[in-house]
Amino acid sequence: MTLQTARVGKNNRAQVVTIPLEFRFPEGMKDVYIRKVGDDVILSPRPTSWKSFLESDVRATDDFMDGVEDLPVQERAFP
């Protein structure tokens, strides 16, 4: 694993990170996923198609469904 430092700054009210050349995302990539694990902030490429998304290692977090309740079963009359 390669470890380097990056410069953190501000652009208006947004925080920006200047990524070293060898860590840069491919040219034309406009969006990345960002997640926090402990104190680490991790950026991952956002796939541009479902195929690349399904082949990627991006997964829902363990707390993804926390607070979601199943709706009660509905009784319905059929003709």
PDB file of N, CA and C in Angstrom:
ATOM      1  N   MET A   1       0.852  -1.180   0.000  1.00  0.00           N
ATOM      2  CA  MET A   1       0.000   0.000   0.000  1.00  0.00           C
ATOM      3  C   MET A   1       0.891   1.235   0.000  1.00  0.00           C
ATOM      4  N   THR A   2       0.595   2.167  -0.883  1.00  0.00           N
ATOM      5  CA  THR A   2       1.339   3.407  -0.965  1.00  0.00           C
ATOM      6  C   THR A   2       0.708   4.427  -0.028  1.00  0.00           C
ATOM      7  N   LEU A   3       1.533   5.121   0.730  1.00  0.00           N
ATOM      8  CA  LEU A   3       1.038   6.132   1.660  1.00  0.00           C
ATOM      9  C   LEU A   3       1.758   7.438   1.399  1.00  0.00           C
ATOM     10  N   GLN A   4       1.002   8.491   1.187  1.00  0.00           N
ATOM     11  CA  GLN A   4       1.540   9.835   1.016  1.00  0.00           C
ATOM     12  C   GLN A   4       0.630  10.804   1.741  1.00  0.00           C
ATOM     13  N   THR A   5       1.002  12.055   1.744  1.00  0.00           N
ATOM     14  CA  THR A   5       0.137  13.074   2.316  1.00  0.00           C
ATOM     15  C   THR A   5      -0.457  13.913   1.193  1.00  0.00           C
ATOM     16  N   ALA A   6      -1.578  14.537   1.481  1.00  0.00           N
ATOM     17  CA  ALA A   6      -2.238  15.421   0.525  1.00  0.00           C
ATOM     18  C   ALA A   6      -2.571  16.721   1.240  1.00  0.00           C
ATOM     19  N   ARG A   7      -2.642  17.783   0.488  1.00  0.00           N
ATOM     20  CA  ARG A   7      -2.937  19.097   1.043  1.00  0.00           C
ATOM     21  C   ARG A   7      -4.450  19.273   1.171  1.00  0.00           C
ATOM     22  N   VAL A   8      -4.885  19.775   2.334  1.00  0.00           N
ATOM     23  CA  VAL A   8      -6.294  20.065   2.586  1.00  0.00           C
ATOM     24  C   VAL A   8      -6.455  21.580   2.618  1.00  0.00           C
ATOM     25  N   GLY A   9      -7.470  22.078   1.926  1.00  0.00           N
ATOM     26  CA  GLY A   9      -7.709  23.519   1.894  1.00  0.00           C
ATOM     27  C   GLY A   9      -9.187  23.822   1.822  1.00  0.00           C
ATOM     28  N   LYS A  10      -9.497  25.083   1.535  1.00  0.00           N
ATOM     29  CA  LYS A  10     -10.890  25.521   1.430  1.00  0.00           C
ATOM     30  C   LYS A  10     -11.107  26.199   0.093  1.00  0.00           C
ATOM     31  N   ASN A  11     -12.301  25.993  -0.464  1.00  0.00           N
ATOM     32  CA  ASN A  11     -12.741  26.665  -1.672  1.00  0.00           C
ATOM     33  C   ASN A  11     -14.145  27.163  -1.361  1.00  0.00           C
ATOM     34  N   ASN A  12     -14.281  28.471  -1.134  1.00  0.00           N
ATOM     35  CA  ASN A  12     -15.524  29.037  -0.602  1.00  0.00           C
ATOM     36  C   ASN A  12     -15.803  28.365   0.738  1.00  0.00           C
ATOM     37  N   ARG A  13     -16.928  27.669   0.866  1.00  0.00           N
ATOM     38  CA  ARG A  13     -17.235  26.996   2.135  1.00  0.00           C
ATOM     39  C   ARG A  13     -16.979  25.504   2.072  1.00  0.00           C
ATOM     40  N   ALA A  14     -16.489  25.010   0.943  1.00  0.00           N
ATOM     41  CA  ALA A  14     -16.226  23.575   0.786  1.00  0.00           C
ATOM     42  C   ALA A  14     -14.785  23.267   1.175  1.00  0.00           C
ATOM     43  N   GLN A  15     -14.573  22.086   1.704  1.00  0.00           N
ATOM     44  CA  GLN A  15     -13.220  21.616   1.987  1.00  0.00           C
ATOM     45  C   GLN A  15     -12.741  20.831   0.778  1.00  0.00           C
ATOM     46  N   VAL A  16     -11.508  21.080   0.361  1.00  0.00           N
ATOM     47  CA  VAL A  16     -10.960  20.406  -0.815  1.00  0.00           C
ATOM     48  C   VAL A  16      -9.661  19.707  -0.450  1.00  0.00           C
ATOM     49  N   VAL A  17      -9.394  18.605  -1.137  1.00  0.00           N
ATOM     50  CA  VAL A  17      -8.158  17.855  -0.948  1.00  0.00           C
ATOM     51  C   VAL A  17      -7.452  17.793  -2.293  1.00  0.00           C
ATOM     52  N   THR A  18      -6.191  18.177  -2.324  1.00  0.00           N
ATOM     53  CA  THR A  18      -5.396  18.081  -3.540  1.00  0.00           C
ATOM     54  C   THR A  18      -4.747  16.707  -3.560  1.00  0.00           C
ATOM     55  N   ILE A  19      -5.147  15.883  -4.517  1.00  0.00           N
ATOM     56  CA  ILE A  19      -4.698  14.492  -4.583  1.00  0.00           C
ATOM     57  C   ILE A  19      -3.410  14.412  -5.401  1.00  0.00           C
ATOM     58  N   PRO A  20      -2.371  13.753  -4.874  1.00  0.00           N
ATOM     59  CA  PRO A  20      -1.132  13.592  -5.642  1.00  0.00           C
ATOM     60  C   PRO A  20      -1.395  12.879  -6.970  1.00  0.00           C
ATOM     61  N   LEU A  21      -0.568  13.166  -7.950  1.00  0.00           N
ATOM     62  CA  LEU A  21      -0.747  12.677  -9.314  1.00  0.00           C
ATOM     63  C   LEU A  21      -0.973  11.167  -9.382  1.00  0.00           C
ATOM     64  N   GLU A  22      -0.202  10.375  -8.658  1.00  0.00           N
ATOM     65  CA  GLU A  22      -0.332   8.920  -8.757  1.00  0.00           C
ATOM     66  C   GLU A  22      -1.612   8.373  -8.110  1.00  0.00           C
ATOM     67  N   PHE A  23      -2.369   9.232  -7.406  1.00  0.00           N
ATOM     68  CA  PHE A  23      -3.625   8.816  -6.786  1.00  0.00           C
ATOM     69  C   PHE A  23      -4.842   9.384  -7.499  1.00  0.00           C
ATOM     70  N   ARG A  24      -4.628  10.168  -8.522  1.00  0.00           N
ATOM     71  CA  ARG A  24      -5.744  10.837  -9.191  1.00  0.00           C
ATOM     72  C   ARG A  24      -6.675   9.849  -9.867  1.00  0.00           C
ATOM     73  N   PHE A  25      -7.935  10.251  -9.934  1.00  0.00           N
ATOM     74  CA  PHE A  25      -8.951   9.451 -10.606  1.00  0.00           C
ATOM     75  C   PHE A  25      -8.818   9.639 -12.112  1.00  0.00           C
ATOM     76  N   PRO A  26      -9.369   8.716 -12.900  1.00  0.00           N
ATOM     77  CA  PRO A  26      -9.259   8.821 -14.359  1.00  0.00           C
ATOM     78  C   PRO A  26      -9.833  10.144 -14.881  1.00  0.00           C
ATOM     79  N   GLU A  27      -9.244  10.635 -15.951  1.00  0.00           N
ATOM     80  CA  GLU A  27      -9.707  11.866 -16.593  1.00  0.00           C
ATOM     81  C   GLU A  27     -11.179  11.721 -16.976  1.00  0.00           C
ATOM     82  N   GLY A  28     -11.955  12.726 -16.723  1.00  0.00           N
ATOM     83  CA  GLY A  28     -13.370  12.700 -17.073  1.00  0.00           C
ATOM     84  C   GLY A  28     -14.275  12.198 -15.966  1.00  0.00           C
ATOM     85  N   MET A  29     -13.718  11.601 -14.919  1.00  0.00           N
ATOM     86  CA  MET A  29     -14.546  11.129 -13.810  1.00  0.00           C
ATOM     87  C   MET A  29     -15.064  12.349 -13.056  1.00  0.00           C
ATOM     88  N   LYS A  30     -16.378  12.405 -12.894  1.00  0.00           N
ATOM     89  CA  LYS A  30     -16.978  13.574 -12.273  1.00  0.00           C
ATOM     90  C   LYS A  30     -17.438  13.324 -10.838  1.00  0.00           C
ATOM     91  N   ASP A  31     -17.744  12.079 -10.500  1.00  0.00           N
ATOM     92  CA  ASP A  31     -18.267  11.771  -9.171  1.00  0.00           C
ATOM     93  C   ASP A  31     -17.502  10.617  -8.548  1.00  0.00           C
ATOM     94  N   VAL A  32     -17.365  10.680  -7.226  1.00  0.00           N
ATOM     95  CA  VAL A  32     -16.771   9.583  -6.462  1.00  0.00           C
ATOM     96  C   VAL A  32     -17.673   9.314  -5.266  1.00  0.00           C
ATOM     97  N   TYR A  33     -17.607   8.097  -4.755  1.00  0.00           N
ATOM     98  CA  TYR A  33     -18.274   7.781  -3.498  1.00  0.00           C
ATOM     99  C   TYR A  33     -17.344   8.204  -2.373  1.00  0.00           C
ATOM    100  N   ILE A  34     -17.920   8.678  -1.282  1.00  0.00           N
ATOM    101  CA  ILE A  34     -17.133   9.037  -0.113  1.00  0.00           C
ATOM    102  C   ILE A  34     -17.781   8.380   1.099  1.00  0.00           C
ATOM    103  N   ARG A  35     -16.960   7.761   1.931  1.00  0.00           N
ATOM    104  CA  ARG A  35     -17.480   7.131   3.139  1.00  0.00           C
ATOM    105  C   ARG A  35     -16.463   7.310   4.256  1.00  0.00           C
ATOM    106  N   LYS A  36     -16.952   7.218   5.463  1.00  0.00           N
ATOM    107  CA  LYS A  36     -16.090   7.382   6.625  1.00  0.00           C
ATOM    108  C   LYS A  36     -16.076   6.079   7.403  1.00  0.00           C
ATOM    109  N   VAL A  37     -14.884   5.585   7.681  1.00  0.00           N
ATOM    110  CA  VAL A  37     -14.689   4.375   8.474  1.00  0.00           C
ATOM    111  C   VAL A  37     -13.771   4.768   9.624  1.00  0.00           C
ATOM    112  N   GLY A  38     -14.348   4.881  10.819  1.00  0.00           N
ATOM    113  CA  GLY A  38     -13.560   5.390  11.938  1.00  0.00           C
ATOM    114  C   GLY A  38     -13.150   6.824  11.632  1.00  0.00           C
ATOM    115  N   ASP A  39     -11.855   7.113  11.723  1.00  0.00           N
ATOM    116  CA  ASP A  39     -11.345   8.443  11.387  1.00  0.00           C
ATOM    117  C   ASP A  39     -10.939   8.561   9.928  1.00  0.00           C
ATOM    118  N   ASP A  40     -10.980   7.454   9.175  1.00  0.00           N
ATOM    119  CA  ASP A  40     -10.557   7.462   7.772  1.00  0.00           C
ATOM    120  C   ASP A  40     -11.689   7.935   6.866  1.00  0.00           C
ATOM    121  N   VAL A  41     -11.350   8.783   5.914  1.00  0.00           N
ATOM    122  CA  VAL A  41     -12.279   9.207   4.867  1.00  0.00           C
ATOM    123  C   VAL A  41     -11.800   8.545   3.583  1.00  0.00           C
ATOM    124  N   ILE A  42     -12.671   7.743   2.957  1.00  0.00           N
ATOM    125  CA  ILE A  42     -12.273   6.924   1.809  1.00  0.00           C
ATOM    126  C   ILE A  42     -13.043   7.374   0.569  1.00  0.00           C
ATOM    127  N   LEU A  43     -12.310   7.652  -0.504  1.00  0.00           N
ATOM    128  CA  LEU A  43     -12.903   8.006  -1.792  1.00  0.00           C
ATOM    129  C   LEU A  43     -12.792   6.811  -2.717  1.00  0.00           C
ATOM    130  N   SER A  44     -13.879   6.481  -3.410  1.00  0.00           N
ATOM    131  CA  SER A  44     -13.889   5.369  -4.362  1.00  0.00           C
ATOM    132  C   SER A  44     -14.522   5.844  -5.661  1.00  0.00           C
ATOM    133  N   PRO A  45     -14.039   5.341  -6.809  1.00  0.00           N
ATOM    134  CA  PRO A  45     -14.646   5.743  -8.076  1.00  0.00           C
ATOM    135  C   PRO A  45     -16.123   5.370  -8.114  1.00  0.00           C
ATOM    136  N   ARG A  46     -16.931   6.260  -8.646  1.00  0.00           N
ATOM    137  CA  ARG A  46     -18.350   5.956  -8.834  1.00  0.00           C
ATOM    138  C   ARG A  46     -18.506   5.359 -10.223  1.00  0.00           C
ATOM    139  N   PRO A  47     -18.910   4.099 -10.306  1.00  0.00           N
ATOM    140  CA  PRO A  47     -19.062   3.458 -11.619  1.00  0.00           C
ATOM    141  C   PRO A  47     -20.046   4.234 -12.496  1.00  0.00           C
ATOM    142  N   THR A  48     -19.812   4.203 -13.792  1.00  0.00           N
ATOM    143  CA  THR A  48     -20.659   4.945 -14.721  1.00  0.00           C
ATOM    144  C   THR A  48     -21.763   4.079 -15.323  1.00  0.00           C
ATOM    145  N   SER A  49     -21.809   2.805 -14.957  1.00  0.00           N
ATOM    146  CA  SER A  49     -22.869   1.927 -15.451  1.00  0.00           C
ATOM    147  C   SER A  49     -23.207   0.914 -14.363  1.00  0.00           C
ATOM    148  N   TRP A  50     -24.367   0.289 -14.486  1.00  0.00           N
ATOM    149  CA  TRP A  50     -24.747  -0.740 -13.517  1.00  0.00           C
ATOM    150  C   TRP A  50     -23.775  -1.910 -13.567  1.00  0.00           C
ATOM    151  N   LYS A  51     -23.299  -2.247 -14.755  1.00  0.00           N
ATOM    152  CA  LYS A  51     -22.378  -3.379 -14.886  1.00  0.00           C
ATOM    153  C   LYS A  51     -21.123  -3.133 -14.058  1.00  0.00           C
ATOM    154  N   SER A  52     -20.527  -1.965 -14.221  1.00  0.00           N
ATOM    155  CA  SER A  52     -19.314  -1.680 -13.457  1.00  0.00           C
ATOM    156  C   SER A  52     -19.625  -1.538 -11.970  1.00  0.00           C
ATOM    157  N   PHE A  53     -20.828  -1.028 -11.632  1.00  0.00           N
ATOM    158  CA  PHE A  53     -21.205  -0.927 -10.227  1.00  0.00           C
ATOM    159  C   PHE A  53     -21.323  -2.312  -9.594  1.00  0.00           C
ATOM    160  N   LEU A  54     -22.002  -3.223 -10.287  1.00  0.00           N
ATOM    161  CA  LEU A  54     -22.196  -4.566  -9.744  1.00  0.00           C
ATOM    162  C   LEU A  54     -20.889  -5.340  -9.643  1.00  0.00           C
ATOM    163  N   GLU A  55     -19.917  -5.009 -10.484  1.00  0.00           N
ATOM    164  CA  GLU A  55     -18.611  -5.659 -10.435  1.00  0.00           C
ATOM    165  C   GLU A  55     -17.671  -4.998  -9.430  1.00  0.00           C
ATOM    166  N   SER A  56     -18.063  -3.855  -8.892  1.00  0.00           N
ATOM    167  CA  SER A  56     -17.193  -3.130  -7.963  1.00  0.00           C
ATOM    168  C   SER A  56     -17.322  -3.714  -6.558  1.00  0.00           C
ATOM    169  N   ASP A  57     -16.489  -3.216  -5.651  1.00  0.00           N
ATOM    170  CA  ASP A  57     -16.543  -3.697  -4.272  1.00  0.00           C
ATOM    171  C   ASP A  57     -17.334  -2.747  -3.368  1.00  0.00           C
ATOM    172  N   VAL A  58     -18.110  -1.840  -3.951  1.00  0.00           N
ATOM    173  CA  VAL A  58     -18.928  -0.925  -3.170  1.00  0.00           C
ATOM    174  C   VAL A  58     -20.110  -1.705  -2.601  1.00  0.00           C
ATOM    175  N   ARG A  59     -20.265  -1.669  -1.311  1.00  0.00           N
ATOM    176  CA  ARG A  59     -21.337  -2.392  -0.635  1.00  0.00           C
ATOM    177  C   ARG A  59     -22.032  -1.458   0.351  1.00  0.00           C
ATOM    178  N   ALA A  60     -23.259  -1.791   0.696  1.00  0.00           N
ATOM    179  CA  ALA A  60     -23.991  -1.021   1.695  1.00  0.00           C
ATOM    180  C   ALA A  60     -23.325  -1.201   3.056  1.00  0.00           C
ATOM    181  N   THR A  61     -23.421  -0.174   3.884  1.00  0.00           N
ATOM    182  CA  THR A  61     -22.851  -0.256   5.220  1.00  0.00           C
ATOM    183  C   THR A  61     -23.709  -1.163   6.091  1.00  0.00           C
ATOM    184  N   ASP A  62     -23.138  -1.622   7.212  1.00  0.00           N
ATOM    185  CA  ASP A  62     -23.856  -2.523   8.112  1.00  0.00           C
ATOM    186  C   ASP A  62     -25.136  -1.892   8.665  1.00  0.00           C
ATOM    187  N   ASP A  63     -25.162  -0.568   8.804  1.00  0.00           N
ATOM    188  CA  ASP A  63     -26.329   0.104   9.367  1.00  0.00           C
ATOM    189  C   ASP A  63     -27.304   0.593   8.290  1.00  0.00           C
ATOM    190  N   PHE A  64     -27.154   0.107   7.070  1.00  0.00           N
ATOM    191  CA  PHE A  64     -27.962   0.554   5.935  1.00  0.00           C
ATOM    192  C   PHE A  64     -29.458   0.492   6.218  1.00  0.00           C
ATOM    193  N   MET A  65     -29.931  -0.571   6.822  1.00  0.00           N
ATOM    194  CA  MET A  65     -31.370  -0.751   7.047  1.00  0.00           C
ATOM    195  C   MET A  65     -31.806  -0.381   8.464  1.00  0.00           C
ATOM    196  N   ASP A  66     -30.913   0.177   9.269  1.00  0.00           N
ATOM    197  CA  ASP A  66     -31.286   0.588  10.622  1.00  0.00           C
ATOM    198  C   ASP A  66     -32.422   1.600  10.569  1.00  0.00           C
ATOM    199  N   GLY A  67     -33.413   1.416  11.395  1.00  0.00           N
ATOM    200  CA  GLY A  67     -34.527   2.345  11.462  1.00  0.00           C
ATOM    201  C   GLY A  67     -35.607   2.104  10.423  1.00  0.00           C
ATOM    202  N   VAL A  68     -35.417   1.137   9.539  1.00  0.00           N
ATOM    203  CA  VAL A  68     -36.426   0.827   8.526  1.00  0.00           C
ATOM    204  C   VAL A  68     -37.326  -0.272   9.078  1.00  0.00           C
ATOM    205  N   GLU A  69     -38.615   0.003   9.101  1.00  0.00           N
ATOM    206  CA  GLU A  69     -39.558  -0.977   9.628  1.00  0.00           C
ATOM    207  C   GLU A  69     -40.366  -1.582   8.490  1.00  0.00           C
ATOM    208  N   ASP A  70     -40.629  -2.886   8.589  1.00  0.00           N
ATOM    209  CA  ASP A  70     -41.481  -3.540   7.600  1.00  0.00           C
ATOM    210  C   ASP A  70     -42.919  -3.068   7.789  1.00  0.00           C
ATOM    211  N   LEU A  71     -43.606  -2.858   6.701  1.00  0.00           N
ATOM    212  CA  LEU A  71     -45.020  -2.504   6.774  1.00  0.00           C
ATOM    213  C   LEU A  71     -45.827  -3.749   7.122  1.00  0.00           C
ATOM    214  N   PRO A  72     -46.957  -3.569   7.820  1.00  0.00           N
ATOM    215  CA  PRO A  72     -47.778  -4.740   8.143  1.00  0.00           C
ATOM    216  C   PRO A  72     -48.352  -5.356   6.867  1.00  0.00           C
ATOM    217  N   VAL A  73     -48.630  -6.648   6.933  1.00  0.00           N
ATOM    218  CA  VAL A  73     -49.226  -7.351   5.798  1.00  0.00           C
ATOM    219  C   VAL A  73     -50.622  -6.791   5.568  1.00  0.00           C
ATOM    220  N   GLN A  74     -50.945  -6.515   4.318  1.00  0.00           N
ATOM    221  CA  GLN A  74     -52.258  -5.967   3.983  1.00  0.00           C
ATOM    222  C   GLN A  74     -53.185  -7.083   3.511  1.00  0.00           C
ATOM    223  N   GLU A  75     -54.411  -7.057   4.016  1.00  0.00           N
ATOM    224  CA  GLU A  75     -55.437  -7.985   3.557  1.00  0.00           C
ATOM    225  C   GLU A  75     -56.115  -7.346   2.358  1.00  0.00           C
ATOM    226  N   ARG A  76     -56.187  -8.064   1.258  1.00  0.00           N
ATOM    227  CA  ARG A  76     -56.814  -7.521   0.057  1.00  0.00           C
ATOM    228  C   ARG A  76     -57.853  -8.500  -0.474  1.00  0.00           C
ATOM    229  N   ALA A  77     -58.922  -7.930  -0.987  1.00  0.00           N
ATOM    230  CA  ALA A  77     -59.976  -8.744  -1.590  1.00  0.00           C
ATOM    231  C   ALA A  77     -59.697  -8.857  -3.083  1.00  0.00           C
ATOM    232  N   PHE A  78     -59.778 -10.088  -3.575  1.00  0.00           N
ATOM    233  CA  PHE A  78     -59.582 -10.311  -5.000  1.00  0.00           C
ATOM    234  C   PHE A  78     -60.927 -10.638  -5.631  1.00  0.00           C
ATOM    235  N   PRO A  79     -61.180 -10.153  -6.840  1.00  0.00           N
ATOM    236  CA  PRO A  79     -62.475 -10.416  -7.498  1.00  0.00           C
ATOM    237  C   PRO A  79     -62.695 -11.877  -7.787  1.00  0.00           C
TER     238      PRO A  79
END
